[in-house]
Amino acid sequence: MSELRLITSQESIEIAPRIEHKPVSEPQRELNSFINSMASLIGPGASGTLTDLWLRELACMECIPGSETFNWRSVSVSASVKLASRLISSQLSSSCF
């Protein structure tokens, strides 16, 4: 798995390429939104890792995707919390006390 880290303000990054075509479904639209927003924080090279993270969080959902009441944003929120936890843990483990 790729290492995830926050990009410091001094680092220059390439802007993640936006997906040219319009997503055909709500889940795809939400996944693309999650990847684009998180890639702007950690870099465009992490899109594969972000996709895996989002799909794992979807698999953990107790509600059945596809039902009319399923909230796709909740998958992104859950994946964002998991990502933040990993980043914090990574930062703490690399710090010297």
PDB file of N, CA and C in Angstrom:
ATOM      1  N   MET A   1       0.841  -1.176   0.000  1.00  0.00           N
ATOM      2  CA  MET A   1       0.000   0.000   0.000  1.00  0.00           C
ATOM      3  C   MET A   1       0.885   1.238   0.000  1.00  0.00           C
ATOM      4  N   SER A   2       0.459   2.241  -0.697  1.00  0.00           N
ATOM      5  CA  SER A   2       1.207   3.491  -0.780  1.00  0.00           C
ATOM      6  C   SER A   2       1.197   4.207   0.561  1.00  0.00           C
ATOM      7  N   GLU A   3       2.260   4.952   0.815  1.00  0.00           N
ATOM      8  CA  GLU A   3       2.307   5.761   2.027  1.00  0.00           C
ATOM      9  C   GLU A   3       1.470   7.016   1.802  1.00  0.00           C
ATOM     10  N   LEU A   4       0.644   7.338   2.773  1.00  0.00           N
ATOM     11  CA  LEU A   4      -0.173   8.541   2.699  1.00  0.00           C
ATOM     12  C   LEU A   4       0.431   9.597   3.597  1.00  0.00           C
ATOM     13  N   ARG A   5       0.500  10.821   3.112  1.00  0.00           N
ATOM     14  CA  ARG A   5       1.011  11.907   3.932  1.00  0.00           C
ATOM     15  C   ARG A   5       0.399  13.210   3.433  1.00  0.00           C
ATOM     16  N   LEU A   6       0.333  14.164   4.327  1.00  0.00           N
ATOM     17  CA  LEU A   6      -0.142  15.486   3.951  1.00  0.00           C
ATOM     18  C   LEU A   6       0.954  16.218   3.194  1.00  0.00           C
ATOM     19  N   ILE A   7       0.564  17.020   2.250  1.00  0.00           N
ATOM     20  CA  ILE A   7       1.518  17.813   1.485  1.00  0.00           C
ATOM     21  C   ILE A   7       1.683  19.146   2.196  1.00  0.00           C
ATOM     22  N   THR A   8       2.916  19.495   2.515  1.00  0.00           N
ATOM     23  CA  THR A   8       3.166  20.759   3.193  1.00  0.00           C
ATOM     24  C   THR A   8       2.976  21.906   2.222  1.00  0.00           C
ATOM     25  N   SER A   9       2.744  23.075   2.761  1.00  0.00           N
ATOM     26  CA  SER A   9       2.497  24.234   1.908  1.00  0.00           C
ATOM     27  C   SER A   9       3.730  24.622   1.097  1.00  0.00           C
ATOM     28  N   GLN A  10       4.911  24.184   1.506  1.00  0.00           N
ATOM     29  CA  GLN A  10       6.113  24.515   0.766  1.00  0.00           C
ATOM     30  C   GLN A  10       6.315  23.610  -0.444  1.00  0.00           C
ATOM     31  N   GLU A  11       5.669  22.449  -0.451  1.00  0.00           N
ATOM     32  CA  GLU A  11       5.830  21.519  -1.561  1.00  0.00           C
ATOM     33  C   GLU A  11       4.946  21.930  -2.724  1.00  0.00           C
ATOM     34  N   SER A  12       5.462  21.734  -3.908  1.00  0.00           N
ATOM     35  CA  SER A  12       4.620  21.990  -5.068  1.00  0.00           C
ATOM     36  C   SER A  12       4.040  20.652  -5.515  1.00  0.00           C
ATOM     37  N   ILE A  13       2.786  20.664  -5.889  1.00  0.00           N
ATOM     38  CA  ILE A  13       2.147  19.432  -6.337  1.00  0.00           C
ATOM     39  C   ILE A  13       1.531  19.660  -7.707  1.00  0.00           C
ATOM     40  N   GLU A  14       1.380  18.569  -8.404  1.00  0.00           N
ATOM     41  CA  GLU A  14       0.645  18.630  -9.658  1.00  0.00           C
ATOM     42  C   GLU A  14      -0.830  18.528  -9.304  1.00  0.00           C
ATOM     43  N   ILE A  15      -1.641  19.253 -10.003  1.00  0.00           N
ATOM     44  CA  ILE A  15      -3.075  19.183  -9.772  1.00  0.00           C
ATOM     45  C   ILE A  15      -3.573  17.853 -10.322  1.00  0.00           C
ATOM     46  N   ALA A  16      -4.361  17.156  -9.519  1.00  0.00           N
ATOM     47  CA  ALA A  16      -4.917  15.883  -9.957  1.00  0.00           C
ATOM     48  C   ALA A  16      -5.809  16.114 -11.167  1.00  0.00           C
ATOM     49  N   PRO A  17      -5.643  15.302 -12.184  1.00  0.00           N
ATOM     50  CA  PRO A  17      -6.488  15.495 -13.362  1.00  0.00           C
ATOM     51  C   PRO A  17      -7.947  15.195 -13.019  1.00  0.00           C
ATOM     52  N   ARG A  18      -8.822  16.051 -13.475  1.00  0.00           N
ATOM     53  CA  ARG A  18     -10.256  15.848 -13.261  1.00  0.00           C
ATOM     54  C   ARG A  18     -10.750  14.828 -14.273  1.00  0.00           C
ATOM     55  N   ILE A  19     -11.721  14.093 -13.876  1.00  0.00           N
ATOM     56  CA  ILE A  19     -12.311  13.115 -14.771  1.00  0.00           C
ATOM     57  C   ILE A  19     -13.127  13.875 -15.815  1.00  0.00           C
ATOM     58  N   GLU A  20     -12.856  13.601 -17.070  1.00  0.00           N
ATOM     59  CA  GLU A  20     -13.463  14.349 -18.163  1.00  0.00           C
ATOM     60  C   GLU A  20     -14.938  14.016 -18.383  1.00  0.00           C
ATOM     61  N   HIS A  21     -15.288  12.741 -18.275  1.00  0.00           N
ATOM     62  CA  HIS A  21     -16.675  12.359 -18.534  1.00  0.00           C
ATOM     63  C   HIS A  21     -17.521  12.491 -17.261  1.00  0.00           C
ATOM     64  N   LYS A  22     -18.805  12.655 -17.456  1.00  0.00           N
ATOM     65  CA  LYS A  22     -19.698  12.771 -16.307  1.00  0.00           C
ATOM     66  C   LYS A  22     -20.004  11.374 -15.776  1.00  0.00           C
ATOM     67  N   PRO A  23     -19.921  11.196 -14.455  1.00  0.00           N
ATOM     68  CA  PRO A  23     -20.260   9.897 -13.886  1.00  0.00           C
ATOM     69  C   PRO A  23     -21.708   9.531 -14.212  1.00  0.00           C
ATOM     70  N   VAL A  24     -21.933   8.259 -14.369  1.00  0.00           N
ATOM     71  CA  VAL A  24     -23.267   7.814 -14.769  1.00  0.00           C
ATOM     72  C   VAL A  24     -24.147   7.462 -13.578  1.00  0.00           C
ATOM     73  N   SER A  25     -23.565   7.344 -12.416  1.00  0.00           N
ATOM     74  CA  SER A  25     -24.359   6.951 -11.259  1.00  0.00           C
ATOM     75  C   SER A  25     -23.966   7.767 -10.027  1.00  0.00           C
ATOM     76  N   GLU A  26     -24.849   7.783  -9.059  1.00  0.00           N
ATOM     77  CA  GLU A  26     -24.583   8.515  -7.823  1.00  0.00           C
ATOM     78  C   GLU A  26     -23.357   7.972  -7.083  1.00  0.00           C
ATOM     79  N   PRO A  27     -23.197   6.630  -6.951  1.00  0.00           N
ATOM     80  CA  PRO A  27     -21.990   6.121  -6.271  1.00  0.00           C
ATOM     81  C   PRO A  27     -20.698   6.530  -6.985  1.00  0.00           C
ATOM     82  N   GLN A  28     -20.709   6.470  -8.298  1.00  0.00           N
ATOM     83  CA  GLN A  28     -19.517   6.861  -9.051  1.00  0.00           C
ATOM     84  C   GLN A  28     -19.229   8.346  -8.874  1.00  0.00           C
ATOM     85  N   ARG A  29     -20.258   9.155  -8.876  1.00  0.00           N
ATOM     86  CA  ARG A  29     -20.097  10.596  -8.669  1.00  0.00           C
ATOM     87  C   ARG A  29     -19.516  10.868  -7.283  1.00  0.00           C
ATOM     88  N   GLU A  30     -20.004  10.166  -6.267  1.00  0.00           N
ATOM     89  CA  GLU A  30     -19.506  10.360  -4.902  1.00  0.00           C
ATOM     90  C   GLU A  30     -18.065   9.891  -4.764  1.00  0.00           C
ATOM     91  N   LEU A  31     -17.738   8.742  -5.346  1.00  0.00           N
ATOM     92  CA  LEU A  31     -16.363   8.238  -5.305  1.00  0.00           C
ATOM     93  C   LEU A  31     -15.418   9.226  -5.979  1.00  0.00           C
ATOM     94  N   ASN A  32     -15.794   9.732  -7.154  1.00  0.00           N
ATOM     95  CA  ASN A  32     -14.949  10.709  -7.854  1.00  0.00           C
ATOM     96  C   ASN A  32     -14.774  11.989  -7.038  1.00  0.00           C
ATOM     97  N   SER A  33     -15.815  12.422  -6.392  1.00  0.00           N
ATOM     98  CA  SER A  33     -15.737  13.613  -5.550  1.00  0.00           C
ATOM     99  C   SER A  33     -14.777  13.383  -4.383  1.00  0.00           C
ATOM    100  N   PHE A  34     -14.866  12.217  -3.758  1.00  0.00           N
ATOM    101  CA  PHE A  34     -13.967  11.870  -2.653  1.00  0.00           C
ATOM    102  C   PHE A  34     -12.514  11.847  -3.121  1.00  0.00           C
ATOM    103  N   ILE A  35     -12.261  11.179  -4.232  1.00  0.00           N
ATOM    104  CA  ILE A  35     -10.885  11.074  -4.742  1.00  0.00           C
ATOM    105  C   ILE A  35     -10.329  12.454  -5.090  1.00  0.00           C
ATOM    106  N   ASN A  36     -11.113  13.267  -5.781  1.00  0.00           N
ATOM    107  CA  ASN A  36     -10.629  14.593  -6.169  1.00  0.00           C
ATOM    108  C   ASN A  36     -10.346  15.477  -4.962  1.00  0.00           C
ATOM    109  N   SER A  37     -11.208  15.439  -3.963  1.00  0.00           N
ATOM    110  CA  SER A  37     -10.991  16.304  -2.802  1.00  0.00           C
ATOM    111  C   SER A  37      -9.822  15.813  -1.948  1.00  0.00           C
ATOM    112  N   MET A  38      -9.692  14.513  -1.755  1.00  0.00           N
ATOM    113  CA  MET A  38      -8.591  13.998  -0.942  1.00  0.00           C
ATOM    114  C   MET A  38      -7.253  14.090  -1.682  1.00  0.00           C
ATOM    115  N   ALA A  39      -7.276  13.901  -2.988  1.00  0.00           N
ATOM    116  CA  ALA A  39      -6.033  14.001  -3.762  1.00  0.00           C
ATOM    117  C   ALA A  39      -5.469  15.415  -3.705  1.00  0.00           C
ATOM    118  N   SER A  40      -6.340  16.399  -3.543  1.00  0.00           N
ATOM    119  CA  SER A  40      -5.839  17.775  -3.428  1.00  0.00           C
ATOM    120  C   SER A  40      -5.083  17.974  -2.119  1.00  0.00           C
ATOM    121  N   LEU A  41      -5.340  17.128  -1.132  1.00  0.00           N
ATOM    122  CA  LEU A  41      -4.630  17.220   0.152  1.00  0.00           C
ATOM    123  C   LEU A  41      -3.376  16.359   0.209  1.00  0.00           C
ATOM    124  N   ILE A  42      -3.424  15.177  -0.384  1.00  0.00           N
ATOM    125  CA  ILE A  42      -2.295  14.255  -0.246  1.00  0.00           C
ATOM    126  C   ILE A  42      -1.565  13.965  -1.547  1.00  0.00           C
ATOM    127  N   GLY A  43      -2.067  14.480  -2.648  1.00  0.00           N
ATOM    128  CA  GLY A  43      -1.383  14.320  -3.926  1.00  0.00           C
ATOM    129  C   GLY A  43      -2.121  13.397  -4.872  1.00  0.00           C
ATOM    130  N   PRO A  44      -1.966  13.648  -6.160  1.00  0.00           N
ATOM    131  CA  PRO A  44      -2.703  12.904  -7.173  1.00  0.00           C
ATOM    132  C   PRO A  44      -2.283  11.444  -7.301  1.00  0.00           C
ATOM    133  N   GLY A  45      -1.113  11.093  -6.842  1.00  0.00           N
ATOM    134  CA  GLY A  45      -0.641   9.715  -6.948  1.00  0.00           C
ATOM    135  C   GLY A  45      -1.355   8.739  -6.037  1.00  0.00           C
ATOM    136  N   ALA A  46      -2.211   9.230  -5.173  1.00  0.00           N
ATOM    137  CA  ALA A  46      -2.876   8.371  -4.189  1.00  0.00           C
ATOM    138  C   ALA A  46      -4.261   7.920  -4.627  1.00  0.00           C
ATOM    139  N   SER A  47      -4.647   8.160  -5.864  1.00  0.00           N
ATOM    140  CA  SER A  47      -6.023   7.853  -6.265  1.00  0.00           C
ATOM    141  C   SER A  47      -6.358   6.372  -6.136  1.00  0.00           C
ATOM    142  N   GLY A  48      -5.418   5.493  -6.428  1.00  0.00           N
ATOM    143  CA  GLY A  48      -5.672   4.051  -6.275  1.00  0.00           C
ATOM    144  C   GLY A  48      -5.904   3.675  -4.822  1.00  0.00           C
ATOM    145  N   THR A  49      -5.079   4.216  -3.942  1.00  0.00           N
ATOM    146  CA  THR A  49      -5.224   3.957  -2.511  1.00  0.00           C
ATOM    147  C   THR A  49      -6.538   4.529  -1.993  1.00  0.00           C
ATOM    148  N   LEU A  50      -6.895   5.714  -2.459  1.00  0.00           N
ATOM    149  CA  LEU A  50      -8.152   6.340  -2.039  1.00  0.00           C
ATOM    150  C   LEU A  50      -9.361   5.541  -2.514  1.00  0.00           C
ATOM    151  N   THR A  51      -9.285   5.028  -3.737  1.00  0.00           N
ATOM    152  CA  THR A  51     -10.374   4.198  -4.254  1.00  0.00           C
ATOM    153  C   THR A  51     -10.539   2.946  -3.410  1.00  0.00           C
ATOM    154  N   ASP A  52      -9.420   2.285  -3.099  1.00  0.00           N
ATOM    155  CA  ASP A  52      -9.471   1.081  -2.258  1.00  0.00           C
ATOM    156  C   ASP A  52     -10.064   1.386  -0.892  1.00  0.00           C
ATOM    157  N   LEU A  53      -9.649   2.490  -0.303  1.00  0.00           N
ATOM    158  CA  LEU A  53     -10.151   2.887   1.004  1.00  0.00           C
ATOM    159  C   LEU A  53     -11.662   3.111   0.955  1.00  0.00           C
ATOM    160  N   TRP A  54     -12.136   3.831  -0.051  1.00  0.00           N
ATOM    161  CA  TRP A  54     -13.567   4.133  -0.190  1.00  0.00           C
ATOM    162  C   TRP A  54     -14.368   2.842  -0.380  1.00  0.00           C
ATOM    163  N   LEU A  55     -13.862   1.941  -1.222  1.00  0.00           N
ATOM    164  CA  LEU A  55     -14.565   0.676  -1.465  1.00  0.00           C
ATOM    165  C   LEU A  55     -14.593  -0.216  -0.233  1.00  0.00           C
ATOM    166  N   ARG A  56     -13.514  -0.212   0.555  1.00  0.00           N
ATOM    167  CA  ARG A  56     -13.513  -0.981   1.814  1.00  0.00           C
ATOM    168  C   ARG A  56     -14.530  -0.415   2.795  1.00  0.00           C
ATOM    169  N   GLU A  57     -14.626   0.910   2.856  1.00  0.00           N
ATOM    170  CA  GLU A  57     -15.623   1.527   3.740  1.00  0.00           C
ATOM    171  C   GLU A  57     -17.039   1.214   3.265  1.00  0.00           C
ATOM    172  N   LEU A  58     -17.245   1.187   1.958  1.00  0.00           N
ATOM    173  CA  LEU A  58     -18.551   0.802   1.423  1.00  0.00           C
ATOM    174  C   LEU A  58     -18.910  -0.615   1.841  1.00  0.00           C
ATOM    175  N   ALA A  59     -17.936  -1.522   1.783  1.00  0.00           N
ATOM    176  CA  ALA A  59     -18.173  -2.914   2.167  1.00  0.00           C
ATOM    177  C   ALA A  59     -18.537  -3.050   3.645  1.00  0.00           C
ATOM    178  N   CYS A  60     -18.111  -2.104   4.468  1.00  0.00           N
ATOM    179  CA  CYS A  60     -18.401  -2.145   5.906  1.00  0.00           C
ATOM    180  C   CYS A  60     -19.757  -1.549   6.263  1.00  0.00           C
ATOM    181  N   MET A  61     -20.410  -0.903   5.317  1.00  0.00           N
ATOM    182  CA  MET A  61     -21.696  -0.252   5.593  1.00  0.00           C
ATOM    183  C   MET A  61     -22.759  -1.297   5.938  1.00  0.00           C
ATOM    184  N   GLU A  62     -23.576  -0.978   6.933  1.00  0.00           N
ATOM    185  CA  GLU A  62     -24.635  -1.894   7.356  1.00  0.00           C
ATOM    186  C   GLU A  62     -25.875  -1.788   6.486  1.00  0.00           C
ATOM    187  N   CYS A  63     -26.062  -0.661   5.843  1.00  0.00           N
ATOM    188  CA  CYS A  63     -27.220  -0.443   4.976  1.00  0.00           C
ATOM    189  C   CYS A  63     -26.929  -1.031   3.594  1.00  0.00           C
ATOM    190  N   ILE A  64     -27.948  -1.408   2.899  1.00  0.00           N
ATOM    191  CA  ILE A  64     -27.771  -2.005   1.582  1.00  0.00           C
ATOM    192  C   ILE A  64     -27.657  -0.917   0.521  1.00  0.00           C
ATOM    193  N   PRO A  65     -26.488  -0.820  -0.148  1.00  0.00           N
ATOM    194  CA  PRO A  65     -26.356   0.153  -1.228  1.00  0.00           C
ATOM    195  C   PRO A  65     -27.372  -0.158  -2.325  1.00  0.00           C
ATOM    196  N   GLY A  66     -27.915   0.860  -2.890  1.00  0.00           N
ATOM    197  CA  GLY A  66     -28.905   0.677  -3.935  1.00  0.00           C
ATOM    198  C   GLY A  66     -30.314   0.941  -3.440  1.00  0.00           C
ATOM    199  N   SER A  67     -30.486   0.899  -2.114  1.00  0.00           N
ATOM    200  CA  SER A  67     -31.792   1.241  -1.591  1.00  0.00           C
ATOM    201  C   SER A  67     -31.991   2.741  -1.758  1.00  0.00           C
ATOM    202  N   GLU A  68     -33.214   3.162  -1.842  1.00  0.00           N
ATOM    203  CA  GLU A  68     -33.500   4.584  -2.082  1.00  0.00           C
ATOM    204  C   GLU A  68     -33.010   5.480  -0.956  1.00  0.00           C
ATOM    205  N   THR A  69     -32.861   4.934   0.232  1.00  0.00           N
ATOM    206  CA  THR A  69     -32.467   5.752   1.377  1.00  0.00           C
ATOM    207  C   THR A  69     -30.958   5.724   1.641  1.00  0.00           C
ATOM    208  N   PHE A  70     -30.189   4.995   0.843  1.00  0.00           N
ATOM    209  CA  PHE A  70     -28.750   4.900   1.107  1.00  0.00           C
ATOM    210  C   PHE A  70     -28.083   6.244   0.846  1.00  0.00           C
ATOM    211  N   ASN A  71     -27.277   6.690   1.795  1.00  0.00           N
ATOM    212  CA  ASN A  71     -26.578   7.970   1.711  1.00  0.00           C
ATOM    213  C   ASN A  71     -25.131   7.707   1.293  1.00  0.00           C
ATOM    214  N   TRP A  72     -24.830   7.943   0.031  1.00  0.00           N
ATOM    215  CA  TRP A  72     -23.487   7.677  -0.485  1.00  0.00           C
ATOM    216  C   TRP A  72     -22.442   8.573   0.148  1.00  0.00           C
ATOM    217  N   ARG A  73     -22.826   9.755   0.575  1.00  0.00           N
ATOM    218  CA  ARG A  73     -21.879  10.663   1.229  1.00  0.00           C
ATOM    219  C   ARG A  73     -21.344  10.050   2.517  1.00  0.00           C
ATOM    220  N   SER A  74     -22.156   9.210   3.173  1.00  0.00           N
ATOM    221  CA  SER A  74     -21.702   8.576   4.418  1.00  0.00           C
ATOM    222  C   SER A  74     -20.500   7.675   4.181  1.00  0.00           C
ATOM    223  N   VAL A  75     -20.373   7.098   2.995  1.00  0.00           N
ATOM    224  CA  VAL A  75     -19.197   6.285   2.664  1.00  0.00           C
ATOM    225  C   VAL A  75     -17.964   7.184   2.610  1.00  0.00           C
ATOM    226  N   SER A  76     -18.100   8.347   1.988  1.00  0.00           N
ATOM    227  CA  SER A  76     -16.977   9.285   1.898  1.00  0.00           C
ATOM    228  C   SER A  76     -16.589   9.832   3.265  1.00  0.00           C
ATOM    229  N   VAL A  77     -17.573  10.106   4.096  1.00  0.00           N
ATOM    230  CA  VAL A  77     -17.284  10.601   5.447  1.00  0.00           C
ATOM    231  C   VAL A  77     -16.520   9.541   6.225  1.00  0.00           C
ATOM    232  N   SER A  78     -16.990   8.313   6.159  1.00  0.00           N
ATOM    233  CA  SER A  78     -16.319   7.219   6.864  1.00  0.00           C
ATOM    234  C   SER A  78     -14.896   7.014   6.340  1.00  0.00           C
ATOM    235  N   ALA A  79     -14.725   7.058   5.026  1.00  0.00           N
ATOM    236  CA  ALA A  79     -13.390   6.907   4.435  1.00  0.00           C
ATOM    237  C   ALA A  79     -12.484   8.077   4.822  1.00  0.00           C
ATOM    238  N   SER A  80     -13.043   9.269   4.923  1.00  0.00           N
ATOM    239  CA  SER A  80     -12.267  10.449   5.325  1.00  0.00           C
ATOM    240  C   SER A  80     -11.779  10.317   6.765  1.00  0.00           C
ATOM    241  N   VAL A  81     -12.631   9.816   7.629  1.00  0.00           N
ATOM    242  CA  VAL A  81     -12.246   9.606   9.030  1.00  0.00           C
ATOM    243  C   VAL A  81     -11.130   8.572   9.105  1.00  0.00           C
ATOM    244  N   LYS A  82     -11.251   7.493   8.348  1.00  0.00           N
ATOM    245  CA  LYS A  82     -10.223   6.455   8.330  1.00  0.00           C
ATOM    246  C   LYS A  82      -8.905   7.021   7.806  1.00  0.00           C
ATOM    247  N   LEU A  83      -8.977   7.821   6.749  1.00  0.00           N
ATOM    248  CA  LEU A  83      -7.778   8.437   6.182  1.00  0.00           C
ATOM    249  C   LEU A  83      -7.125   9.382   7.187  1.00  0.00           C
ATOM    250  N   ALA A  84      -7.923  10.205   7.843  1.00  0.00           N
ATOM    251  CA  ALA A  84      -7.378  11.130   8.853  1.00  0.00           C
ATOM    252  C   ALA A  84      -6.700  10.355   9.975  1.00  0.00           C
ATOM    253  N   SER A  85      -7.324   9.284  10.393  1.00  0.00           N
ATOM    254  CA  SER A  85      -6.747   8.459  11.451  1.00  0.00           C
ATOM    255  C   SER A  85      -5.396   7.889  11.024  1.00  0.00           C
ATOM    256  N   ARG A  86      -5.317   7.418   9.796  1.00  0.00           N
ATOM    257  CA  ARG A  86      -4.040   6.890   9.285  1.00  0.00           C
ATOM    258  C   ARG A  86      -2.973   7.969   9.214  1.00  0.00           C
ATOM    259  N   LEU A  87      -3.357   9.148   8.728  1.00  0.00           N
ATOM    260  CA  LEU A  87      -2.393  10.239   8.615  1.00  0.00           C
ATOM    261  C   LEU A  87      -1.887  10.681   9.980  1.00  0.00           C
ATOM    262  N   ILE A  88      -2.781  10.796  10.941  1.00  0.00           N
ATOM    263  CA  ILE A  88      -2.387  11.186  12.299  1.00  0.00           C
ATOM    264  C   ILE A  88      -1.479  10.132  12.901  1.00  0.00           C
ATOM    265  N   SER A  89      -1.846   8.883  12.747  1.00  0.00           N
ATOM    266  CA  SER A  89      -1.037   7.798  13.268  1.00  0.00           C
ATOM    267  C   SER A  89       0.350   7.787  12.632  1.00  0.00           C
ATOM    268  N   SER A  90       0.405   8.031  11.335  1.00  0.00           N
ATOM    269  CA  SER A  90       1.675   8.087  10.633  1.00  0.00           C
ATOM    270  C   SER A  90       2.533   9.252  11.133  1.00  0.00           C
ATOM    271  N   GLN A  91       1.908  10.403  11.347  1.00  0.00           N
ATOM    272  CA  GLN A  91       2.628  11.568  11.843  1.00  0.00           C
ATOM    273  C   GLN A  91       3.165  11.322  13.251  1.00  0.00           C
ATOM    274  N   LEU A  92       2.357  10.689  14.096  1.00  0.00           N
ATOM    275  CA  LEU A  92       2.771  10.424  15.471  1.00  0.00           C
ATOM    276  C   LEU A  92       3.896   9.401  15.527  1.00  0.00           C
ATOM    277  N   SER A  93       3.829   8.385  14.667  1.00  0.00           N
ATOM    278  CA  SER A  93       4.861   7.353  14.701  1.00  0.00           C
ATOM    279  C   SER A  93       6.200   7.851  14.155  1.00  0.00           C
ATOM    280  N   SER A  94       6.177   8.896  13.308  1.00  0.00           N
ATOM    281  CA  SER A  94       7.435   9.417  12.776  1.00  0.00           C
ATOM    282  C   SER A  94       8.003  10.546  13.627  1.00  0.00           C
ATOM    283  N   SER A  95       7.242  10.995  14.625  1.00  0.00           N
ATOM    284  CA  SER A  95       7.727  12.046  15.515  1.00  0.00           C
ATOM    285  C   SER A  95       8.656  11.483  16.564  1.00  0.00           C
ATOM    286  N   CYS A  96       9.627  12.259  16.919  1.00  0.00           N
ATOM    287  CA  CYS A  96      10.545  11.857  18.001  1.00  0.00           C
ATOM    288  C   CYS A  96      10.156  12.622  19.257  1.00  0.00           C
ATOM    289  N   PHE A  97       9.944  11.913  20.333  1.00  0.00           N
ATOM    290  CA  PHE A  97       9.590  12.566  21.603  1.00  0.00           C
ATOM    291  C   PHE A  97      10.732  12.567  22.542  1.00  0.00           C
TER     292      PHE A  97
END
